[in-house]
Amino acid sequence: MPRTLCIADFVKEVKRVSTAWIQERGGLFAQFHWQAGYGCFSVSESMVPKVVRYIEGQEEHHRIITFQDEYRELLRRHGQKWEEQYVWD
């Protein structure tokens, strides 16, 4: 990402373009929409394979721990504070 592009604008554009593309497929996808919020994290090059494996196993993984509980633990582990009413849609 260029340093002059803010993350909020980038996410907004990705959501806008991908929503149109998905909805064009019709059927069950015609009503597709993104959630209002988003999270943005940087990943070092050396961790990309681990992140890819996580994404590939995400559906099965979230049968064991909910996304919400996993996200809370991620925030705790990295010393981040949050307010529940602002984190979830």
PDB file of N, CA and C in Angstrom:
ATOM      1  N   MET A   1       0.837  -1.180   0.000  1.00  0.00           N
ATOM      2  CA  MET A   1       0.000   0.000   0.000  1.00  0.00           C
ATOM      3  C   MET A   1       0.877   1.236   0.000  1.00  0.00           C
ATOM      4  N   PRO A   2       0.525   2.199  -0.803  1.00  0.00           N
ATOM      5  CA  PRO A   2       1.299   3.439  -0.752  1.00  0.00           C
ATOM      6  C   PRO A   2       1.049   4.174   0.572  1.00  0.00           C
ATOM      7  N   ARG A   3       2.022   4.917   1.022  1.00  0.00           N
ATOM      8  CA  ARG A   3       1.903   5.619   2.307  1.00  0.00           C
ATOM      9  C   ARG A   3       0.830   6.700   2.275  1.00  0.00           C
ATOM     10  N   THR A   4       0.411   7.133   1.091  1.00  0.00           N
ATOM     11  CA  THR A   4      -0.580   8.203   0.977  1.00  0.00           C
ATOM     12  C   THR A   4      -2.024   7.688   0.988  1.00  0.00           C
ATOM     13  N   LEU A   5      -2.205   6.387   1.003  1.00  0.00           N
ATOM     14  CA  LEU A   5      -3.550   5.804   1.005  1.00  0.00           C
ATOM     15  C   LEU A   5      -3.892   5.363   2.418  1.00  0.00           C
ATOM     16  N   CYS A   6      -4.941   5.942   2.990  1.00  0.00           N
ATOM     17  CA  CYS A   6      -5.305   5.547   4.347  1.00  0.00           C
ATOM     18  C   CYS A   6      -6.046   4.203   4.311  1.00  0.00           C
ATOM     19  N   ILE A   7      -5.902   3.462   5.388  1.00  0.00           N
ATOM     20  CA  ILE A   7      -6.473   2.115   5.466  1.00  0.00           C
ATOM     21  C   ILE A   7      -7.984   2.143   5.291  1.00  0.00           C
ATOM     22  N   ALA A   8      -8.670   3.100   5.907  1.00  0.00           N
ATOM     23  CA  ALA A   8     -10.128   3.175   5.805  1.00  0.00           C
ATOM     24  C   ALA A   8     -10.576   3.326   4.354  1.00  0.00           C
ATOM     25  N   ASP A   9      -9.895   4.160   3.579  1.00  0.00           N
ATOM     26  CA  ASP A   9     -10.247   4.329   2.162  1.00  0.00           C
ATOM     27  C   ASP A   9      -9.973   3.058   1.370  1.00  0.00           C
ATOM     28  N   PHE A  10      -8.871   2.392   1.681  1.00  0.00           N
ATOM     29  CA  PHE A  10      -8.528   1.147   0.998  1.00  0.00           C
ATOM     30  C   PHE A  10      -9.594   0.084   1.258  1.00  0.00           C
ATOM     31  N   VAL A  11      -9.963  -0.105   2.518  1.00  0.00           N
ATOM     32  CA  VAL A  11     -10.968  -1.110   2.873  1.00  0.00           C
ATOM     33  C   VAL A  11     -12.308  -0.764   2.227  1.00  0.00           C
ATOM     34  N   LYS A  12     -12.683   0.496   2.262  1.00  0.00           N
ATOM     35  CA  LYS A  12     -13.938   0.929   1.650  1.00  0.00           C
ATOM     36  C   LYS A  12     -13.982   0.559   0.171  1.00  0.00           C
ATOM     37  N   GLU A  13     -12.891   0.794  -0.540  1.00  0.00           N
ATOM     38  CA  GLU A  13     -12.852   0.499  -1.970  1.00  0.00           C
ATOM     39  C   GLU A  13     -12.854  -1.008  -2.233  1.00  0.00           C
ATOM     40  N   VAL A  14     -12.122  -1.765  -1.445  1.00  0.00           N
ATOM     41  CA  VAL A  14     -12.124  -3.222  -1.602  1.00  0.00           C
ATOM     42  C   VAL A  14     -13.536  -3.771  -1.387  1.00  0.00           C
ATOM     43  N   LYS A  15     -14.207  -3.292  -0.352  1.00  0.00           N
ATOM     44  CA  LYS A  15     -15.571  -3.742  -0.085  1.00  0.00           C
ATOM     45  C   LYS A  15     -16.520  -3.339  -1.208  1.00  0.00           C
ATOM     46  N   ARG A  16     -16.393  -2.114  -1.702  1.00  0.00           N
ATOM     47  CA  ARG A  16     -17.284  -1.630  -2.760  1.00  0.00           C
ATOM     48  C   ARG A  16     -17.137  -2.474  -4.024  1.00  0.00           C
ATOM     49  N   VAL A  17     -15.922  -2.649  -4.473  1.00  0.00           N
ATOM     50  CA  VAL A  17     -15.672  -3.374  -5.723  1.00  0.00           C
ATOM     51  C   VAL A  17     -16.026  -4.852  -5.582  1.00  0.00           C
ATOM     52  N   SER A  18     -15.631  -5.462  -4.468  1.00  0.00           N
ATOM     53  CA  SER A  18     -15.906  -6.887  -4.308  1.00  0.00           C
ATOM     54  C   SER A  18     -17.397  -7.158  -4.106  1.00  0.00           C
ATOM     55  N   THR A  19     -18.118  -6.263  -3.452  1.00  0.00           N
ATOM     56  CA  THR A  19     -19.564  -6.431  -3.300  1.00  0.00           C
ATOM     57  C   THR A  19     -20.241  -6.446  -4.661  1.00  0.00           C
ATOM     58  N   ALA A  20     -19.899  -5.499  -5.511  1.00  0.00           N
ATOM     59  CA  ALA A  20     -20.487  -5.450  -6.857  1.00  0.00           C
ATOM     60  C   ALA A  20     -20.174  -6.726  -7.622  1.00  0.00           C
ATOM     61  N   TRP A  21     -18.926  -7.184  -7.564  1.00  0.00           N
ATOM     62  CA  TRP A  21     -18.520  -8.389  -8.282  1.00  0.00           C
ATOM     63  C   TRP A  21     -19.286  -9.608  -7.783  1.00  0.00           C
ATOM     64  N   ILE A  22     -19.404  -9.756  -6.457  1.00  0.00           N
ATOM     65  CA  ILE A  22     -20.106 -10.905  -5.876  1.00  0.00           C
ATOM     66  C   ILE A  22     -21.593 -10.852  -6.212  1.00  0.00           C
ATOM     67  N   GLN A  23     -22.216  -9.681  -6.076  1.00  0.00           N
ATOM     68  CA  GLN A  23     -23.652  -9.556  -6.335  1.00  0.00           C
ATOM     69  C   GLN A  23     -23.992  -9.817  -7.795  1.00  0.00           C
ATOM     70  N   GLU A  24     -23.073  -9.518  -8.713  1.00  0.00           N
ATOM     71  CA  GLU A  24     -23.301  -9.798 -10.135  1.00  0.00           C
ATOM     72  C   GLU A  24     -23.472 -11.281 -10.396  1.00  0.00           C
ATOM     73  N   ARG A  25     -22.975 -12.131  -9.524  1.00  0.00           N
ATOM     74  CA  ARG A  25     -23.108 -13.579  -9.700  1.00  0.00           C
ATOM     75  C   ARG A  25     -24.548 -14.025  -9.495  1.00  0.00           C
ATOM     76  N   GLY A  26     -25.351 -13.217  -8.844  1.00  0.00           N
ATOM     77  CA  GLY A  26     -26.775 -13.496  -8.677  1.00  0.00           C
ATOM     78  C   GLY A  26     -27.040 -14.638  -7.708  1.00  0.00           C
ATOM     79  N   GLY A  27     -28.241 -15.165  -7.775  1.00  0.00           N
ATOM     80  CA  GLY A  27     -28.641 -16.262  -6.902  1.00  0.00           C
ATOM     81  C   GLY A  27     -28.499 -15.899  -5.443  1.00  0.00           C
ATOM     82  N   LEU A  28     -27.895 -16.794  -4.694  1.00  0.00           N
ATOM     83  CA  LEU A  28     -27.700 -16.565  -3.262  1.00  0.00           C
ATOM     84  C   LEU A  28     -26.798 -15.377  -2.988  1.00  0.00           C
ATOM     85  N   PHE A  29     -25.996 -14.990  -3.957  1.00  0.00           N
ATOM     86  CA  PHE A  29     -25.039 -13.902  -3.763  1.00  0.00           C
ATOM     87  C   PHE A  29     -25.633 -12.512  -4.033  1.00  0.00           C
ATOM     88  N   ALA A  30     -26.826 -12.465  -4.572  1.00  0.00           N
ATOM     89  CA  ALA A  30     -27.422 -11.185  -4.960  1.00  0.00           C
ATOM     90  C   ALA A  30     -27.602 -10.232  -3.785  1.00  0.00           C
ATOM     91  N   GLN A  31     -27.772 -10.766  -2.585  1.00  0.00           N
ATOM     92  CA  GLN A  31     -27.986  -9.931  -1.395  1.00  0.00           C
ATOM     93  C   GLN A  31     -26.729  -9.792  -0.544  1.00  0.00           C
ATOM     94  N   PHE A  32     -25.587 -10.208  -1.088  1.00  0.00           N
ATOM     95  CA  PHE A  32     -24.345 -10.160  -0.314  1.00  0.00           C
ATOM     96  C   PHE A  32     -24.022  -8.744   0.137  1.00  0.00           C
ATOM     97  N   HIS A  33     -23.514  -8.624   1.362  1.00  0.00           N
ATOM     98  CA  HIS A  33     -22.975  -7.358   1.852  1.00  0.00           C
ATOM     99  C   HIS A  33     -21.943  -7.656   2.934  1.00  0.00           C
ATOM    100  N   TRP A  34     -21.007  -6.765   3.085  1.00  0.00           N
ATOM    101  CA  TRP A  34     -19.982  -6.895   4.103  1.00  0.00           C
ATOM    102  C   TRP A  34     -20.505  -6.375   5.432  1.00  0.00           C
ATOM    103  N   GLN A  35     -19.917  -6.856   6.522  1.00  0.00           N
ATOM    104  CA  GLN A  35     -20.208  -6.273   7.824  1.00  0.00           C
ATOM    105  C   GLN A  35     -19.690  -4.841   7.835  1.00  0.00           C
ATOM    106  N   ALA A  36     -20.156  -4.034   8.767  1.00  0.00           N
ATOM    107  CA  ALA A  36     -19.766  -2.626   8.801  1.00  0.00           C
ATOM    108  C   ALA A  36     -18.303  -2.442   9.200  1.00  0.00           C
ATOM    109  N   GLY A  37     -17.824  -3.230  10.117  1.00  0.00           N
ATOM    110  CA  GLY A  37     -16.472  -3.029  10.631  1.00  0.00           C
ATOM    111  C   GLY A  37     -15.415  -3.819   9.889  1.00  0.00           C
ATOM    112  N   TYR A  38     -14.192  -3.646  10.341  1.00  0.00           N
ATOM    113  CA  TYR A  38     -13.073  -4.417   9.798  1.00  0.00           C
ATOM    114  C   TYR A  38     -11.912  -4.333  10.776  1.00  0.00           C
ATOM    115  N   GLY A  39     -11.001  -5.243  10.641  1.00  0.00           N
ATOM    116  CA  GLY A  39      -9.752  -5.205  11.391  1.00  0.00           C
ATOM    117  C   GLY A  39      -8.618  -5.221  10.384  1.00  0.00           C
ATOM    118  N   CYS A  40      -7.541  -4.575  10.702  1.00  0.00           N
ATOM    119  CA  CYS A  40      -6.415  -4.497   9.780  1.00  0.00           C
ATOM    120  C   CYS A  40      -5.138  -4.835  10.539  1.00  0.00           C
ATOM    121  N   PHE A  41      -4.402  -5.800  10.024  1.00  0.00           N
ATOM    122  CA  PHE A  41      -3.189  -6.257  10.678  1.00  0.00           C
ATOM    123  C   PHE A  41      -2.083  -6.389   9.641  1.00  0.00           C
ATOM    124  N   SER A  42      -0.880  -6.060  10.044  1.00  0.00           N
ATOM    125  CA  SER A  42       0.249  -6.302   9.156  1.00  0.00           C
ATOM    126  C   SER A  42       0.871  -7.651   9.524  1.00  0.00           C
ATOM    127  N   VAL A  43       1.460  -8.288   8.538  1.00  0.00           N
ATOM    128  CA  VAL A  43       2.080  -9.592   8.728  1.00  0.00           C
ATOM    129  C   VAL A  43       3.450  -9.558   8.080  1.00  0.00           C
ATOM    130  N   SER A  44       4.458  -9.998   8.809  1.00  0.00           N
ATOM    131  CA  SER A  44       5.797 -10.029   8.226  1.00  0.00           C
ATOM    132  C   SER A  44       5.857 -11.123   7.162  1.00  0.00           C
ATOM    133  N   GLU A  45       6.732 -10.930   6.212  1.00  0.00           N
ATOM    134  CA  GLU A  45       6.896 -11.882   5.104  1.00  0.00           C
ATOM    135  C   GLU A  45       7.123 -13.302   5.620  1.00  0.00           C
ATOM    136  N   SER A  46       7.890 -13.434   6.686  1.00  0.00           N
ATOM    137  CA  SER A  46       8.201 -14.768   7.215  1.00  0.00           C
ATOM    138  C   SER A  46       6.980 -15.484   7.794  1.00  0.00           C
ATOM    139  N   MET A  47       5.928 -14.741   8.127  1.00  0.00           N
ATOM    140  CA  MET A  47       4.730 -15.336   8.725  1.00  0.00           C
ATOM    141  C   MET A  47       3.626 -15.626   7.711  1.00  0.00           C
ATOM    142  N   VAL A  48       3.816 -15.240   6.463  1.00  0.00           N
ATOM    143  CA  VAL A  48       2.774 -15.438   5.447  1.00  0.00           C
ATOM    144  C   VAL A  48       2.349 -16.904   5.339  1.00  0.00           C
ATOM    145  N   PRO A  49       3.263 -17.877   5.271  1.00  0.00           N
ATOM    146  CA  PRO A  49       2.804 -19.275   5.190  1.00  0.00           C
ATOM    147  C   PRO A  49       1.922 -19.693   6.374  1.00  0.00           C
ATOM    148  N   LYS A  50       2.258 -19.230   7.565  1.00  0.00           N
ATOM    149  CA  LYS A  50       1.458 -19.553   8.753  1.00  0.00           C
ATOM    150  C   LYS A  50       0.064 -18.928   8.658  1.00  0.00           C
ATOM    151  N   VAL A  51      -0.014 -17.699   8.178  1.00  0.00           N
ATOM    152  CA  VAL A  51      -1.303 -17.031   8.027  1.00  0.00           C
ATOM    153  C   VAL A  51      -2.150 -17.744   6.971  1.00  0.00           C
ATOM    154  N   VAL A  52      -1.528 -18.154   5.877  1.00  0.00           N
ATOM    155  CA  VAL A  52      -2.251 -18.892   4.828  1.00  0.00           C
ATOM    156  C   VAL A  52      -2.817 -20.189   5.403  1.00  0.00           C
ATOM    157  N   ARG A  53      -2.024 -20.934   6.167  1.00  0.00           N
ATOM    158  CA  ARG A  53      -2.516 -22.175   6.786  1.00  0.00           C
ATOM    159  C   ARG A  53      -3.673 -21.888   7.736  1.00  0.00           C
ATOM    160  N   TYR A  54      -3.569 -20.799   8.494  1.00  0.00           N
ATOM    161  CA  TYR A  54      -4.654 -20.423   9.402  1.00  0.00           C
ATOM    162  C   TYR A  54      -5.950 -20.173   8.615  1.00  0.00           C
ATOM    163  N   ILE A  55      -5.850 -19.411   7.554  1.00  0.00           N
ATOM    164  CA  ILE A  55      -7.033 -19.093   6.750  1.00  0.00           C
ATOM    165  C   ILE A  55      -7.633 -20.358   6.146  1.00  0.00           C
ATOM    166  N   GLU A  56      -6.781 -21.234   5.652  1.00  0.00           N
ATOM    167  CA  GLU A  56      -7.270 -22.485   5.041  1.00  0.00           C
ATOM    168  C   GLU A  56      -7.998 -23.362   6.054  1.00  0.00           C
ATOM    169  N   GLY A  57      -7.597 -23.329   7.325  1.00  0.00           N
ATOM    170  CA  GLY A  57      -8.239 -24.155   8.348  1.00  0.00           C
ATOM    171  C   GLY A  57      -9.219 -23.406   9.219  1.00  0.00           C
ATOM    172  N   GLN A  58      -9.563 -22.193   8.825  1.00  0.00           N
ATOM    173  CA  GLN A  58     -10.383 -21.315   9.659  1.00  0.00           C
ATOM    174  C   GLN A  58     -11.763 -21.894   9.969  1.00  0.00           C
ATOM    175  N   GLU A  59     -12.420 -22.467   8.981  1.00  0.00           N
ATOM    176  CA  GLU A  59     -13.774 -22.986   9.212  1.00  0.00           C
ATOM    177  C   GLU A  59     -13.761 -24.063  10.293  1.00  0.00           C
ATOM    178  N   GLU A  60     -12.843 -24.993  10.190  1.00  0.00           N
ATOM    179  CA  GLU A  60     -12.748 -26.056  11.193  1.00  0.00           C
ATOM    180  C   GLU A  60     -12.305 -25.498  12.551  1.00  0.00           C
ATOM    181  N   HIS A  61     -11.350 -24.610  12.530  1.00  0.00           N
ATOM    182  CA  HIS A  61     -10.837 -23.992  13.757  1.00  0.00           C
ATOM    183  C   HIS A  61     -11.950 -23.291  14.540  1.00  0.00           C
ATOM    184  N   HIS A  62     -12.843 -22.608  13.832  1.00  0.00           N
ATOM    185  CA  HIS A  62     -13.902 -21.858  14.509  1.00  0.00           C
ATOM    186  C   HIS A  62     -15.054 -22.736  14.984  1.00  0.00           C
ATOM    187  N   ARG A  63     -14.961 -24.022  14.738  1.00  0.00           N
ATOM    188  CA  ARG A  63     -15.898 -24.952  15.387  1.00  0.00           C
ATOM    189  C   ARG A  63     -15.481 -25.177  16.835  1.00  0.00           C
ATOM    190  N   ILE A  64     -14.197 -24.927  17.128  1.00  0.00           N
ATOM    191  CA  ILE A  64     -13.637 -25.146  18.471  1.00  0.00           C
ATOM    192  C   ILE A  64     -13.681 -23.870  19.303  1.00  0.00           C
ATOM    193  N   ILE A  65     -13.307 -22.765  18.702  1.00  0.00           N
ATOM    194  CA  ILE A  65     -13.302 -21.471  19.396  1.00  0.00           C
ATOM    195  C   ILE A  65     -13.983 -20.450  18.477  1.00  0.00           C
ATOM    196  N   THR A  66     -14.854 -19.646  19.036  1.00  0.00           N
ATOM    197  CA  THR A  66     -15.554 -18.662  18.212  1.00  0.00           C
ATOM    198  C   THR A  66     -14.582 -17.584  17.742  1.00  0.00           C
ATOM    199  N   PHE A  67     -14.931 -16.957  16.641  1.00  0.00           N
ATOM    200  CA  PHE A  67     -14.125 -15.848  16.134  1.00  0.00           C
ATOM    201  C   PHE A  67     -14.006 -14.764  17.197  1.00  0.00           C
ATOM    202  N   GLN A  68     -15.127 -14.466  17.877  1.00  0.00           N
ATOM    203  CA  GLN A  68     -15.134 -13.406  18.880  1.00  0.00           C
ATOM    204  C   GLN A  68     -14.156 -13.709  20.019  1.00  0.00           C
ATOM    205  N   ASP A  69     -14.179 -14.941  20.525  1.00  0.00           N
ATOM    206  CA  ASP A  69     -13.269 -15.304  21.613  1.00  0.00           C
ATOM    207  C   ASP A  69     -11.817 -15.298  21.137  1.00  0.00           C
ATOM    208  N   GLU A  70     -11.588 -15.759  19.934  1.00  0.00           N
ATOM    209  CA  GLU A  70     -10.233 -15.753  19.392  1.00  0.00           C
ATOM    210  C   GLU A  70      -9.719 -14.320  19.217  1.00  0.00           C
ATOM    211  N   TYR A  71     -10.579 -13.433  18.754  1.00  0.00           N
ATOM    212  CA  TYR A  71     -10.191 -12.032  18.550  1.00  0.00           C
ATOM    213  C   TYR A  71      -9.877 -11.352  19.884  1.00  0.00           C
ATOM    214  N   ARG A  72     -10.717 -11.625  20.896  1.00  0.00           N
ATOM    215  CA  ARG A  72     -10.463 -11.068  22.222  1.00  0.00           C
ATOM    216  C   ARG A  72      -9.095 -11.524  22.740  1.00  0.00           C
ATOM    217  N   GLU A  73      -8.782 -12.810  22.558  1.00  0.00           N
ATOM    218  CA  GLU A  73      -7.500 -13.347  23.004  1.00  0.00           C
ATOM    219  C   GLU A  73      -6.345 -12.704  22.241  1.00  0.00           C
ATOM    220  N   LEU A  74      -6.502 -12.473  20.962  1.00  0.00           N
ATOM    221  CA  LEU A  74      -5.474 -11.795  20.168  1.00  0.00           C
ATOM    222  C   LEU A  74      -5.218 -10.392  20.713  1.00  0.00           C
ATOM    223  N   LEU A  75      -6.291  -9.676  21.004  1.00  0.00           N
ATOM    224  CA  LEU A  75      -6.152  -8.327  21.554  1.00  0.00           C
ATOM    225  C   LEU A  75      -5.459  -8.363  22.910  1.00  0.00           C
ATOM    226  N   ARG A  76      -5.877  -9.291  23.779  1.00  0.00           N
ATOM    227  CA  ARG A  76      -5.247  -9.426  25.100  1.00  0.00           C
ATOM    228  C   ARG A  76      -3.753  -9.742  24.973  1.00  0.00           C
ATOM    229  N   ARG A  77      -3.430 -10.698  24.125  1.00  0.00           N
ATOM    230  CA  ARG A  77      -2.052 -11.157  23.966  1.00  0.00           C
ATOM    231  C   ARG A  77      -1.126 -10.029  23.514  1.00  0.00           C
ATOM    232  N   HIS A  78      -1.678  -9.072  22.790  1.00  0.00           N
ATOM    233  CA  HIS A  78      -0.876  -7.965  22.273  1.00  0.00           C
ATOM    234  C   HIS A  78      -1.103  -6.660  23.045  1.00  0.00           C
ATOM    235  N   GLY A  79      -1.713  -6.780  24.223  1.00  0.00           N
ATOM    236  CA  GLY A  79      -1.856  -5.633  25.115  1.00  0.00           C
ATOM    237  C   GLY A  79      -2.787  -4.546  24.591  1.00  0.00           C
ATOM    238  N   GLN A  80      -3.764  -4.923  23.778  1.00  0.00           N
ATOM    239  CA  GLN A  80      -4.694  -3.947  23.220  1.00  0.00           C
ATOM    240  C   GLN A  80      -5.957  -3.871  24.071  1.00  0.00           C
ATOM    241  N   LYS A  81      -6.460  -2.671  24.278  1.00  0.00           N
ATOM    242  CA  LYS A  81      -7.717  -2.469  24.994  1.00  0.00           C
ATOM    243  C   LYS A  81      -8.825  -2.297  23.968  1.00  0.00           C
ATOM    244  N   TRP A  82     -10.033  -2.688  24.332  1.00  0.00           N
ATOM    245  CA  TRP A  82     -11.172  -2.550  23.440  1.00  0.00           C
ATOM    246  C   TRP A  82     -12.441  -2.414  24.257  1.00  0.00           C
ATOM    247  N   GLU A  83     -13.469  -1.924  23.599  1.00  0.00           N
ATOM    248  CA  GLU A  83     -14.796  -1.836  24.199  1.00  0.00           C
ATOM    249  C   GLU A  83     -15.727  -2.671  23.344  1.00  0.00           C
ATOM    250  N   GLU A  84     -16.367  -3.630  23.974  1.00  0.00           N
ATOM    251  CA  GLU A  84     -17.203  -4.593  23.255  1.00  0.00           C
ATOM    252  C   GLU A  84     -18.199  -3.940  22.298  1.00  0.00           C
ATOM    253  N   GLN A  85     -18.824  -2.850  22.717  1.00  0.00           N
ATOM    254  CA  GLN A  85     -19.867  -2.237  21.867  1.00  0.00           C
ATOM    255  C   GLN A  85     -19.319  -1.689  20.566  1.00  0.00           C
ATOM    256  N   TYR A  86     -17.999  -1.480  20.479  1.00  0.00           N
ATOM    257  CA  TYR A  86     -17.409  -0.926  19.262  1.00  0.00           C
ATOM    258  C   TYR A  86     -16.745  -1.988  18.397  1.00  0.00           C
ATOM    259  N   VAL A  87     -16.640  -3.219  18.917  1.00  0.00           N
ATOM    260  CA  VAL A  87     -15.930  -4.263  18.188  1.00  0.00           C
ATOM    261  C   VAL A  87     -16.849  -5.071  17.298  1.00  0.00           C
ATOM    262  N   TRP A  88     -18.074  -5.322  17.723  1.00  0.00           N
ATOM    263  CA  TRP A  88     -18.966  -6.228  16.989  1.00  0.00           C
ATOM    264  C   TRP A  88     -20.122  -5.466  16.357  1.00  0.00           C
ATOM    265  N   ASP A  89     -20.560  -5.948  15.208  1.00  0.00           N
ATOM    266  CA  ASP A  89     -21.751  -5.377  14.533  1.00  0.00           C
ATOM    267  C   ASP A  89     -22.999  -5.694  15.316  1.00  0.00           C
TER     268      ASP A  89
END
